[in-house]
């Protein structure tokens, strides 16, 4: 019975929803809209200045992308790497005229 009392917090922590951040830096403000496509859901990114971002709790395992729609009408995808529930991750990209790049630090 004592092991059950110890196991419950471990199981509950594995089920906790951890938010992941998805950020696109758009210094030229060429991107008209962006949406996260992940786990069968589409979630729009919100613009604040030269930054588009959304935080989302991950409830699946897999990968997806951020679809960028430019003012010119062009569309490009930023590939989102593997996500898994319970892993806190931040995915950051830089929008360019020809697509999406991971920023160099």
PDB file of N, CA and C in Angstrom:
ATOM      1  N   UNK A   1       0.823  -1.190   0.000  1.00  0.00           N
ATOM      2  CA  UNK A   1       0.000   0.000   0.000  1.00  0.00           C
ATOM      3  C   UNK A   1       0.872   1.260   0.000  1.00  0.00           C
ATOM      4  N   UNK A   2       2.012   1.183   0.688  1.00  0.00           N
ATOM      5  CA  UNK A   2       2.905   2.331   0.748  1.00  0.00           C
ATOM      6  C   UNK A   2       3.461   2.663  -0.639  1.00  0.00           C
ATOM      7  N   UNK A   3       3.742   1.645  -1.449  1.00  0.00           N
ATOM      8  CA  UNK A   3       4.273   1.874  -2.793  1.00  0.00           C
ATOM      9  C   UNK A   3       3.274   2.622  -3.659  1.00  0.00           C
ATOM     10  N   UNK A   4       1.965   2.395  -3.402  1.00  0.00           N
ATOM     11  CA  UNK A   4       0.932   3.085  -4.155  1.00  0.00           C
ATOM     12  C   UNK A   4       0.967   4.583  -3.868  1.00  0.00           C
ATOM     13  N   UNK A   5       1.180   4.937  -2.605  1.00  0.00           N
ATOM     14  CA  UNK A   5       1.262   6.351  -2.235  1.00  0.00           C
ATOM     15  C   UNK A   5       2.456   7.027  -2.896  1.00  0.00           C
ATOM     16  N   UNK A   6       3.524   6.298  -3.123  1.00  0.00           N
ATOM     17  CA  UNK A   6       4.695   6.852  -3.798  1.00  0.00           C
ATOM     18  C   UNK A   6       4.525   6.884  -5.315  1.00  0.00           C
ATOM     19  N   UNK A   7       3.789   5.939  -5.851  1.00  0.00           N
ATOM     20  CA  UNK A   7       3.626   5.829  -7.300  1.00  0.00           C
ATOM     21  C   UNK A   7       2.666   6.876  -7.861  1.00  0.00           C
ATOM     22  N   UNK A   8       1.662   7.264  -7.104  1.00  0.00           N
ATOM     23  CA  UNK A   8       0.661   8.210  -7.611  1.00  0.00           C
ATOM     24  C   UNK A   8       1.283   9.546  -8.012  1.00  0.00           C
ATOM     25  N   UNK A   9       2.134  10.186  -7.190  1.00  0.00           N
ATOM     26  CA  UNK A   9       2.733  11.454  -7.642  1.00  0.00           C
ATOM     27  C   UNK A   9       3.603  11.299  -8.889  1.00  0.00           C
ATOM     28  N   UNK A  10       4.264  10.167  -9.033  1.00  0.00           N
ATOM     29  CA  UNK A  10       5.097   9.941 -10.211  1.00  0.00           C
ATOM     30  C   UNK A  10       4.226   9.830 -11.452  1.00  0.00           C
ATOM     31  N   UNK A  11       3.134   9.094 -11.359  1.00  0.00           N
ATOM     32  CA  UNK A  11       2.221   8.939 -12.492  1.00  0.00           C
ATOM     33  C   UNK A  11       1.592  10.281 -12.845  1.00  0.00           C
ATOM     34  N   UNK A  12       1.171  11.041 -11.855  1.00  0.00           N
ATOM     35  CA  UNK A  12       0.551  12.333 -12.116  1.00  0.00           C
ATOM     36  C   UNK A  12       1.533  13.309 -12.744  1.00  0.00           C
ATOM     37  N   UNK A  13       2.801  13.283 -12.328  1.00  0.00           N
ATOM     38  CA  UNK A  13       3.777  14.191 -12.925  1.00  0.00           C
ATOM     39  C   UNK A  13       4.042  13.824 -14.374  1.00  0.00           C
ATOM     40  N   UNK A  14       3.958  12.562 -14.727  1.00  0.00           N
ATOM     41  CA  UNK A  14       4.148  12.144 -16.115  1.00  0.00           C
ATOM     42  C   UNK A  14       2.991  12.616 -16.988  1.00  0.00           C
ATOM     43  N   UNK A  15       1.827  12.834 -16.384  1.00  0.00           N
ATOM     44  CA  UNK A  15       0.649  13.275 -17.132  1.00  0.00           C
ATOM     45  C   UNK A  15       0.491  14.792 -17.146  1.00  0.00           C
ATOM     46  N   UNK A  16       1.372  15.499 -16.445  1.00  0.00           N
ATOM     47  CA  UNK A  16       1.218  16.949 -16.396  1.00  0.00           C
ATOM     48  C   UNK A  16       1.460  17.546 -17.771  1.00  0.00           C
ATOM     49  N   UNK A  17       0.740  18.600 -18.056  1.00  0.00           N
ATOM     50  CA  UNK A  17       0.820  19.235 -19.367  1.00  0.00           C
ATOM     51  C   UNK A  17       1.861  20.344 -19.308  1.00  0.00           C
ATOM     52  N   UNK A  18       2.903  20.176 -20.089  1.00  0.00           N
ATOM     53  CA  UNK A  18       3.982  21.139 -20.147  1.00  0.00           C
ATOM     54  C   UNK A  18       3.834  21.942 -21.431  1.00  0.00           C
ATOM     55  N   UNK A  19       3.887  23.248 -21.319  1.00  0.00           N
ATOM     56  CA  UNK A  19       3.748  24.104 -22.490  1.00  0.00           C
ATOM     57  C   UNK A  19       5.068  24.181 -23.251  1.00  0.00           C
ATOM     58  N   UNK A  20       4.980  24.088 -24.559  1.00  0.00           N
ATOM     59  CA  UNK A  20       6.115  24.279 -25.452  1.00  0.00           C
ATOM     60  C   UNK A  20       5.921  25.615 -26.155  1.00  0.00           C
ATOM     61  N   UNK A  21       7.019  26.293 -26.466  1.00  0.00           N
ATOM     62  CA  UNK A  21       6.958  27.590 -27.133  1.00  0.00           C
ATOM     63  C   UNK A  21       7.399  27.453 -28.578  1.00  0.00           C
ATOM     64  N   UNK A  22       6.689  28.134 -29.451  1.00  0.00           N
ATOM     65  CA  UNK A  22       6.974  28.148 -30.878  1.00  0.00           C
ATOM     66  C   UNK A  22       7.069  29.612 -31.294  1.00  0.00           C
ATOM     67  N   UNK A  23       8.253  30.032 -31.766  1.00  0.00           N
ATOM     68  CA  UNK A  23       8.525  31.438 -32.033  1.00  0.00           C
ATOM     69  C   UNK A  23       9.113  31.598 -33.428  1.00  0.00           C
ATOM     70  N   UNK A  24       8.620  32.586 -34.168  1.00  0.00           N
ATOM     71  CA  UNK A  24       9.192  32.954 -35.462  1.00  0.00           C
ATOM     72  C   UNK A  24       9.544  34.436 -35.385  1.00  0.00           C
ATOM     73  N   UNK A  25      10.834  34.736 -35.593  1.00  0.00           N
ATOM     74  CA  UNK A  25      11.283  36.124 -35.627  1.00  0.00           C
ATOM     75  C   UNK A  25      11.165  36.615 -37.067  1.00  0.00           C
ATOM     76  N   UNK A  26      10.467  37.722 -37.248  1.00  0.00           N
ATOM     77  CA  UNK A  26      10.166  38.261 -38.571  1.00  0.00           C
ATOM     78  C   UNK A  26      10.577  39.728 -38.602  1.00  0.00           C
ATOM     79  N   UNK A  27      11.899  39.975 -38.673  1.00  0.00           N
ATOM     80  CA  UNK A  27      12.412  41.337 -38.619  1.00  0.00           C
ATOM     81  C   UNK A  27      11.900  42.210 -39.760  1.00  0.00           C
ATOM     82  N   UNK A  28      11.707  41.643 -40.959  1.00  0.00           N
ATOM     83  CA  UNK A  28      11.216  42.420 -42.095  1.00  0.00           C
ATOM     84  C   UNK A  28       9.695  42.578 -42.085  1.00  0.00           C
ATOM     85  N   UNK A  29       9.031  41.900 -41.181  1.00  0.00           N
ATOM     86  CA  UNK A  29       7.563  41.904 -41.086  1.00  0.00           C
ATOM     87  C   UNK A  29       6.929  41.539 -42.423  1.00  0.00           C
ATOM     88  N   UNK A  30       7.508  40.518 -43.064  1.00  0.00           N
ATOM     89  CA  UNK A  30       7.020  40.038 -44.357  1.00  0.00           C
ATOM     90  C   UNK A  30       5.949  38.972 -44.204  1.00  0.00           C
ATOM     91  N   UNK A  31       5.836  38.389 -43.019  1.00  0.00           N
ATOM     92  CA  UNK A  31       4.882  37.309 -42.783  1.00  0.00           C
ATOM     93  C   UNK A  31       3.523  37.905 -42.417  1.00  0.00           C
ATOM     94  N   UNK A  32       2.507  37.539 -43.184  1.00  0.00           N
ATOM     95  CA  UNK A  32       1.155  38.029 -42.932  1.00  0.00           C
ATOM     96  C   UNK A  32       0.462  37.213 -41.852  1.00  0.00           C
ATOM     97  N   UNK A  33       0.723  35.906 -41.820  1.00  0.00           N
ATOM     98  CA  UNK A  33       0.088  35.025 -40.837  1.00  0.00           C
ATOM     99  C   UNK A  33       0.944  33.771 -40.669  1.00  0.00           C
ATOM    100  N   UNK A  34       0.830  33.165 -39.511  1.00  0.00           N
ATOM    101  CA  UNK A  34       1.553  31.922 -39.239  1.00  0.00           C
ATOM    102  C   UNK A  34       0.670  31.029 -38.383  1.00  0.00           C
ATOM    103  N   UNK A  35       0.754  29.714 -38.640  1.00  0.00           N
ATOM    104  CA  UNK A  35      -0.008  28.774 -37.811  1.00  0.00           C
ATOM    105  C   UNK A  35       0.838  27.529 -37.542  1.00  0.00           C
ATOM    106  N   UNK A  36       0.700  27.019 -36.339  1.00  0.00           N
ATOM    107  CA  UNK A  36       1.345  25.789 -35.923  1.00  0.00           C
ATOM    108  C   UNK A  36       0.446  24.630 -36.325  1.00  0.00           C
ATOM    109  N   UNK A  37       0.999  23.659 -37.048  1.00  0.00           N
ATOM    110  CA  UNK A  37       0.264  22.460 -37.447  1.00  0.00           C
ATOM    111  C   UNK A  37       0.942  21.289 -36.737  1.00  0.00           C
ATOM    112  N   UNK A  38       0.258  20.750 -35.726  1.00  0.00           N
ATOM    113  CA  UNK A  38       0.857  19.742 -34.861  1.00  0.00           C
ATOM    114  C   UNK A  38      -0.252  18.909 -34.215  1.00  0.00           C
ATOM    115  N   UNK A  39      -0.088  17.608 -34.190  1.00  0.00           N
ATOM    116  CA  UNK A  39      -1.035  16.708 -33.524  1.00  0.00           C
ATOM    117  C   UNK A  39      -2.442  16.786 -34.127  1.00  0.00           C
ATOM    118  N   UNK A  40      -2.525  17.108 -35.411  1.00  0.00           N
ATOM    119  CA  UNK A  40      -3.829  17.202 -36.043  1.00  0.00           C
ATOM    120  C   UNK A  40      -4.558  18.503 -35.762  1.00  0.00           C
ATOM    121  N   UNK A  41      -3.915  19.441 -35.098  1.00  0.00           N
ATOM    122  CA  UNK A  41      -4.521  20.725 -34.766  1.00  0.00           C
ATOM    123  C   UNK A  41      -3.775  21.842 -35.475  1.00  0.00           C
ATOM    124  N   UNK A  42      -4.467  22.915 -35.751  1.00  0.00           N
ATOM    125  CA  UNK A  42      -3.862  24.128 -36.274  1.00  0.00           C
ATOM    126  C   UNK A  42      -4.080  25.234 -35.248  1.00  0.00           C
ATOM    127  N   UNK A  43      -2.986  25.880 -34.852  1.00  0.00           N
ATOM    128  CA  UNK A  43      -3.041  26.927 -33.846  1.00  0.00           C
ATOM    129  C   UNK A  43      -2.353  28.170 -34.400  1.00  0.00           C
ATOM    130  N   UNK A  44      -3.059  29.300 -34.492  1.00  0.00           N
ATOM    131  CA  UNK A  44      -2.419  30.509 -35.026  1.00  0.00           C
ATOM    132  C   UNK A  44      -1.378  31.071 -34.060  1.00  0.00           C
ATOM    133  N   UNK A  45      -0.303  31.615 -34.620  1.00  0.00           N
ATOM    134  CA  UNK A  45       0.689  32.334 -33.838  1.00  0.00           C
ATOM    135  C   UNK A  45       0.252  33.786 -33.762  1.00  0.00           C
ATOM    136  N   UNK A  46       0.489  34.413 -32.632  1.00  0.00           N
ATOM    137  CA  UNK A  46       0.104  35.811 -32.427  1.00  0.00           C
ATOM    138  C   UNK A  46       1.315  36.705 -32.634  1.00  0.00           C
ATOM    139  N   UNK A  47       1.110  37.806 -33.320  1.00  0.00           N
ATOM    140  CA  UNK A  47       2.208  38.741 -33.585  1.00  0.00           C
ATOM    141  C   UNK A  47       2.315  39.771 -32.472  1.00  0.00           C
ATOM    142  N   UNK A  48       3.557  40.015 -32.040  1.00  0.00           N
ATOM    143  CA  UNK A  48       3.909  41.114 -31.160  1.00  0.00           C
ATOM    144  C   UNK A  48       5.159  41.737 -31.759  1.00  0.00           C
ATOM    145  N   UNK A  49       4.992  42.855 -32.435  1.00  0.00           N
ATOM    146  CA  UNK A  49       6.120  43.496 -33.106  1.00  0.00           C
ATOM    147  C   UNK A  49       6.663  42.598 -34.215  1.00  0.00           C
ATOM    148  N   UNK A  50       7.952  42.273 -34.125  1.00  0.00           N
ATOM    149  CA  UNK A  50       8.606  41.445 -35.137  1.00  0.00           C
ATOM    150  C   UNK A  50       8.650  39.976 -34.725  1.00  0.00           C
ATOM    151  N   UNK A  51       7.750  39.583 -33.842  1.00  0.00           N
ATOM    152  CA  UNK A  51       7.765  38.229 -33.293  1.00  0.00           C
ATOM    153  C   UNK A  51       6.379  37.615 -33.394  1.00  0.00           C
ATOM    154  N   UNK A  52       6.327  36.394 -33.930  1.00  0.00           N
ATOM    155  CA  UNK A  52       5.088  35.605 -33.939  1.00  0.00           C
ATOM    156  C   UNK A  52       5.312  34.445 -32.984  1.00  0.00           C
ATOM    157  N   UNK A  53       4.352  34.179 -32.107  1.00  0.00           N
ATOM    158  CA  UNK A  53       4.583  33.138 -31.112  1.00  0.00           C
ATOM    159  C   UNK A  53       3.284  32.530 -30.603  1.00  0.00           C
ATOM    160  N   UNK A  54       3.419  31.301 -30.107  1.00  0.00           N
ATOM    161  CA  UNK A  54       2.334  30.616 -29.414  1.00  0.00           C
ATOM    162  C   UNK A  54       2.964  29.618 -28.451  1.00  0.00           C
ATOM    163  N   UNK A  55       2.309  29.405 -27.331  1.00  0.00           N
ATOM    164  CA  UNK A  55       2.691  28.350 -26.397  1.00  0.00           C
ATOM    165  C   UNK A  55       1.570  27.336 -26.383  1.00  0.00           C
ATOM    166  N   UNK A  56       1.949  26.062 -26.360  1.00  0.00           N
ATOM    167  CA  UNK A  56       0.941  25.009 -26.461  1.00  0.00           C
ATOM    168  C   UNK A  56       1.372  23.819 -25.639  1.00  0.00           C
ATOM    169  N   UNK A  57       0.431  23.256 -24.881  1.00  0.00           N
ATOM    170  CA  UNK A  57       0.689  22.014 -24.166  1.00  0.00           C
ATOM    171  C   UNK A  57       0.682  20.873 -25.181  1.00  0.00           C
ATOM    172  N   UNK A  58       1.666  20.026 -25.108  1.00  0.00           N
ATOM    173  CA  UNK A  58       1.813  18.933 -26.066  1.00  0.00           C
ATOM    174  C   UNK A  58       1.137  17.691 -25.497  1.00  0.00           C
ATOM    175  N   UNK A  59       0.245  17.091 -26.301  1.00  0.00           N
ATOM    176  CA  UNK A  59      -0.449  15.885 -25.850  1.00  0.00           C
ATOM    177  C   UNK A  59      -0.300  14.749 -26.857  1.00  0.00           C
ATOM    178  N   UNK A  60       0.766  14.825 -27.672  1.00  0.00           N
ATOM    179  CA  UNK A  60       1.014  13.772 -28.648  1.00  0.00           C
ATOM    180  C   UNK A  60       2.517  13.600 -28.819  1.00  0.00           C
ATOM    181  N   UNK A  61       2.888  12.568 -29.541  1.00  0.00           N
ATOM    182  CA  UNK A  61       4.282  12.393 -29.926  1.00  0.00           C
ATOM    183  C   UNK A  61       4.347  12.483 -31.440  1.00  0.00           C
ATOM    184  N   UNK A  62       5.307  13.211 -31.932  1.00  0.00           N
ATOM    185  CA  UNK A  62       5.451  13.326 -33.370  1.00  0.00           C
ATOM    186  C   UNK A  62       6.094  14.641 -33.751  1.00  0.00           C
ATOM    187  N   UNK A  63       5.892  15.031 -34.992  1.00  0.00           N
ATOM    188  CA  UNK A  63       6.463  16.275 -35.488  1.00  0.00           C
ATOM    189  C   UNK A  63       5.405  17.017 -36.286  1.00  0.00           C
ATOM    190  N   UNK A  64       5.714  18.220 -36.681  1.00  0.00           N
ATOM    191  CA  UNK A  64       4.781  19.028 -37.439  1.00  0.00           C
ATOM    192  C   UNK A  64       5.517  20.157 -38.114  1.00  0.00           C
ATOM    193  N   UNK A  65       4.836  21.288 -38.278  1.00  0.00           N
ATOM    194  CA  UNK A  65       5.469  22.441 -38.901  1.00  0.00           C
ATOM    195  C   UNK A  65       4.718  23.718 -38.541  1.00  0.00           C
ATOM    196  N   UNK A  66       5.379  24.831 -38.804  1.00  0.00           N
ATOM    197  CA  UNK A  66       4.736  26.135 -38.712  1.00  0.00           C
ATOM    198  C   UNK A  66       4.599  26.631 -40.141  1.00  0.00           C
ATOM    199  N   UNK A  67       3.383  26.864 -40.570  1.00  0.00           N
ATOM    200  CA  UNK A  67       3.119  27.347 -41.925  1.00  0.00           C
ATOM    201  C   UNK A  67       3.145  28.874 -41.915  1.00  0.00           C
ATOM    202  N   UNK A  68       4.056  29.455 -42.692  1.00  0.00           N
ATOM    203  CA  UNK A  68       4.152  30.905 -42.819  1.00  0.00           C
ATOM    204  C   UNK A  68       3.477  31.332 -44.111  1.00  0.00           C
ATOM    205  N   UNK A  69       2.587  32.302 -44.019  1.00  0.00           N
ATOM    206  CA  UNK A  69       1.974  32.887 -45.212  1.00  0.00           C
ATOM    207  C   UNK A  69       2.459  34.327 -45.301  1.00  0.00           C
ATOM    208  N   UNK A  70       3.173  34.607 -46.375  1.00  0.00           N
ATOM    209  CA  UNK A  70       3.777  35.919 -46.577  1.00  0.00           C
ATOM    210  C   UNK A  70       2.782  36.888 -47.209  1.00  0.00           C
ATOM    211  N   UNK A  71       3.033  38.172 -47.054  1.00  0.00           N
ATOM    212  CA  UNK A  71       2.193  39.205 -47.658  1.00  0.00           C
ATOM    213  C   UNK A  71       2.172  39.054 -49.181  1.00  0.00           C
ATOM    214  N   UNK A  72       3.240  38.512 -49.754  1.00  0.00           N
ATOM    215  CA  UNK A  72       3.322  38.295 -51.202  1.00  0.00           C
ATOM    216  C   UNK A  72       2.415  37.162 -51.679  1.00  0.00           C
ATOM    217  N   UNK A  73       1.909  36.356 -50.740  1.00  0.00           N
ATOM    218  CA  UNK A  73       1.091  35.194 -51.082  1.00  0.00           C
ATOM    219  C   UNK A  73       1.858  33.884 -51.010  1.00  0.00           C
ATOM    220  N   UNK A  74       3.187  33.962 -50.973  1.00  0.00           N
ATOM    221  CA  UNK A  74       4.003  32.749 -50.840  1.00  0.00           C
ATOM    222  C   UNK A  74       3.772  32.095 -49.484  1.00  0.00           C
ATOM    223  N   UNK A  75       3.972  30.778 -49.443  1.00  0.00           N
ATOM    224  CA  UNK A  75       3.896  30.036 -48.180  1.00  0.00           C
ATOM    225  C   UNK A  75       5.151  29.197 -48.024  1.00  0.00           C
ATOM    226  N   UNK A  76       5.637  29.126 -46.792  1.00  0.00           N
ATOM    227  CA  UNK A  76       6.790  28.301 -46.469  1.00  0.00           C
ATOM    228  C   UNK A  76       6.531  27.633 -45.120  1.00  0.00           C
ATOM    229  N   UNK A  77       7.142  26.472 -44.912  1.00  0.00           N
ATOM    230  CA  UNK A  77       7.004  25.747 -43.648  1.00  0.00           C
ATOM    231  C   UNK A  77       8.306  25.766 -42.859  1.00  0.00           C
ATOM    232  N   UNK A  78       8.167  25.908 -41.555  1.00  0.00           N
ATOM    233  CA  UNK A  78       9.282  25.737 -40.624  1.00  0.00           C
ATOM    234  C   UNK A  78       9.077  24.358 -39.991  1.00  0.00           C
ATOM    235  N   UNK A  79       9.964  23.404 -40.231  1.00  0.00           N
ATOM    236  CA  UNK A  79       9.757  22.067 -39.666  1.00  0.00           C
ATOM    237  C   UNK A  79       9.929  22.066 -38.148  1.00  0.00           C
ATOM    238  N   UNK A  80       8.957  21.509 -37.460  1.00  0.00           N
ATOM    239  CA  UNK A  80       9.033  21.372 -36.003  1.00  0.00           C
ATOM    240  C   UNK A  80       9.535  19.965 -35.714  1.00  0.00           C
ATOM    241  N   UNK A  81      10.603  19.885 -34.960  1.00  0.00           N
ATOM    242  CA  UNK A  81      11.174  18.590 -34.621  1.00  0.00           C
ATOM    243  C   UNK A  81      10.253  17.767 -33.740  1.00  0.00           C
ATOM    244  N   UNK A  82      10.757  16.681 -33.251  1.00  0.00           N
ATOM    245  CA  UNK A  82       9.974  15.721 -32.482  1.00  0.00           C
ATOM    246  C   UNK A  82       9.514  16.323 -31.161  1.00  0.00           C
ATOM    247  N   UNK A  83       8.229  16.200 -30.882  1.00  0.00           N
ATOM    248  CA  UNK A  83       7.658  16.649 -29.605  1.00  0.00           C
ATOM    249  C   UNK A  83       7.109  15.440 -28.858  1.00  0.00           C
ATOM    250  N   UNK A  84       7.078  15.574 -27.553  1.00  0.00           N
ATOM    251  CA  UNK A  84       6.546  14.505 -26.710  1.00  0.00           C
ATOM    252  C   UNK A  84       5.943  15.126 -25.450  1.00  0.00           C
ATOM    253  N   UNK A  85       4.862  14.572 -24.928  1.00  0.00           N
ATOM    254  CA  UNK A  85       4.257  15.120 -23.712  1.00  0.00           C
ATOM    255  C   UNK A  85       5.252  15.129 -22.555  1.00  0.00           C
ATOM    256  N   UNK A  86       5.214  16.172 -21.752  1.00  0.00           N
ATOM    257  CA  UNK A  86       6.056  16.259 -20.569  1.00  0.00           C
ATOM    258  C   UNK A  86       7.432  16.846 -20.821  1.00  0.00           C
ATOM    259  N   UNK A  87       7.843  17.024 -22.067  1.00  0.00           N
ATOM    260  CA  UNK A  87       9.153  17.601 -22.379  1.00  0.00           C
ATOM    261  C   UNK A  87       8.972  19.074 -22.718  1.00  0.00           C
ATOM    262  N   UNK A  88       9.575  19.944 -21.938  1.00  0.00           N
ATOM    263  CA  UNK A  88       9.477  21.385 -22.192  1.00  0.00           C
ATOM    264  C   UNK A  88      10.517  21.752 -23.244  1.00  0.00           C
ATOM    265  N   UNK A  89      10.031  22.296 -24.368  1.00  0.00           N
ATOM    266  CA  UNK A  89      10.912  22.648 -25.466  1.00  0.00           C
ATOM    267  C   UNK A  89      10.530  24.011 -26.013  1.00  0.00           C
ATOM    268  N   UNK A  90      11.505  24.675 -26.629  1.00  0.00           N
ATOM    269  CA  UNK A  90      11.259  25.927 -27.328  1.00  0.00           C
ATOM    270  C   UNK A  90      11.792  25.774 -28.742  1.00  0.00           C
ATOM    271  N   UNK A  91      10.956  26.056 -29.705  1.00  0.00           N
ATOM    272  CA  UNK A  91      11.323  25.993 -31.112  1.00  0.00           C
ATOM    273  C   UNK A  91      11.341  27.426 -31.635  1.00  0.00           C
ATOM    274  N   UNK A  92      12.504  27.889 -32.079  1.00  0.00           N
ATOM    275  CA  UNK A  92      12.658  29.262 -32.531  1.00  0.00           C
ATOM    276  C   UNK A  92      13.192  29.270 -33.955  1.00  0.00           C
ATOM    277  N   UNK A  93      12.610  30.137 -34.783  1.00  0.00           N
ATOM    278  CA  UNK A  93      12.978  30.237 -36.193  1.00  0.00           C
ATOM    279  C   UNK A  93      13.104  31.704 -36.579  1.00  0.00           C
ATOM    280  N   UNK A  94      13.714  31.940 -37.733  1.00  0.00           N
ATOM    281  CA  UNK A  94      13.817  33.281 -38.298  1.00  0.00           C
ATOM    282  C   UNK A  94      13.228  33.230 -39.698  1.00  0.00           C
ATOM    283  N   UNK A  95      12.256  34.073 -39.954  1.00  0.00           N
ATOM    284  CA  UNK A  95      11.633  34.140 -41.283  1.00  0.00           C
ATOM    285  C   UNK A  95      12.545  34.928 -42.215  1.00  0.00           C
ATOM    286  N   UNK A  96      12.747  34.400 -43.412  1.00  0.00           N
ATOM    287  CA  UNK A  96      13.475  35.114 -44.459  1.00  0.00           C
ATOM    288  C   UNK A  96      12.563  35.172 -45.675  1.00  0.00           C
ATOM    289  N   UNK A  97      12.993  35.893 -46.691  1.00  0.00           N
ATOM    290  CA  UNK A  97      12.173  36.003 -47.901  1.00  0.00           C
ATOM    291  C   UNK A  97      12.028  34.666 -48.614  1.00  0.00           C
ATOM    292  N   UNK A  98      12.994  33.761 -48.394  1.00  0.00           N
ATOM    293  CA  UNK A  98      12.982  32.474 -49.095  1.00  0.00           C
ATOM    294  C   UNK A  98      12.554  31.320 -48.195  1.00  0.00           C
ATOM    295  N   UNK A  99      12.103  31.595 -47.001  1.00  0.00           N
ATOM    296  CA  UNK A  99      11.658  30.513 -46.143  1.00  0.00           C
ATOM    297  C   UNK A  99      11.950  30.740 -44.693  1.00  0.00           C
ATOM    298  N   UNK A 100      12.283  29.670 -44.031  1.00  0.00           N
ATOM    299  CA  UNK A 100      12.402  29.666 -42.591  1.00  0.00           C
ATOM    300  C   UNK A 100      13.754  29.066 -42.198  1.00  0.00           C
ATOM    301  N   UNK A 101      14.438  29.712 -41.287  1.00  0.00           N
ATOM    302  CA  UNK A 101      15.729  29.203 -40.840  1.00  0.00           C
ATOM    303  C   UNK A 101      15.758  29.169 -39.314  1.00  0.00           C
ATOM    304  N   UNK A 102      16.490  28.203 -38.797  1.00  0.00           N
ATOM    305  CA  UNK A 102      16.722  28.200 -37.356  1.00  0.00           C
ATOM    306  C   UNK A 102      17.806  29.228 -37.090  1.00  0.00           C
ATOM    307  N   UNK A 103      17.590  30.102 -36.112  1.00  0.00           N
ATOM    308  CA  UNK A 103      18.586  31.165 -35.868  1.00  0.00           C
ATOM    309  C   UNK A 103      19.886  30.595 -35.316  1.00  0.00           C
ATOM    310  N   UNK A 104      20.963  31.266 -35.643  1.00  0.00           N
ATOM    311  CA  UNK A 104      22.267  30.887 -35.108  1.00  0.00           C
ATOM    312  C   UNK A 104      22.505  31.694 -33.845  1.00  0.00           C
ATOM    313  N   UNK A 105      23.008  31.021 -32.825  1.00  0.00           N
ATOM    314  CA  UNK A 105      23.273  31.709 -31.548  1.00  0.00           C
ATOM    315  C   UNK A 105      24.753  31.857 -31.326  1.00  0.00           C
TER     316      UNK A 105
END
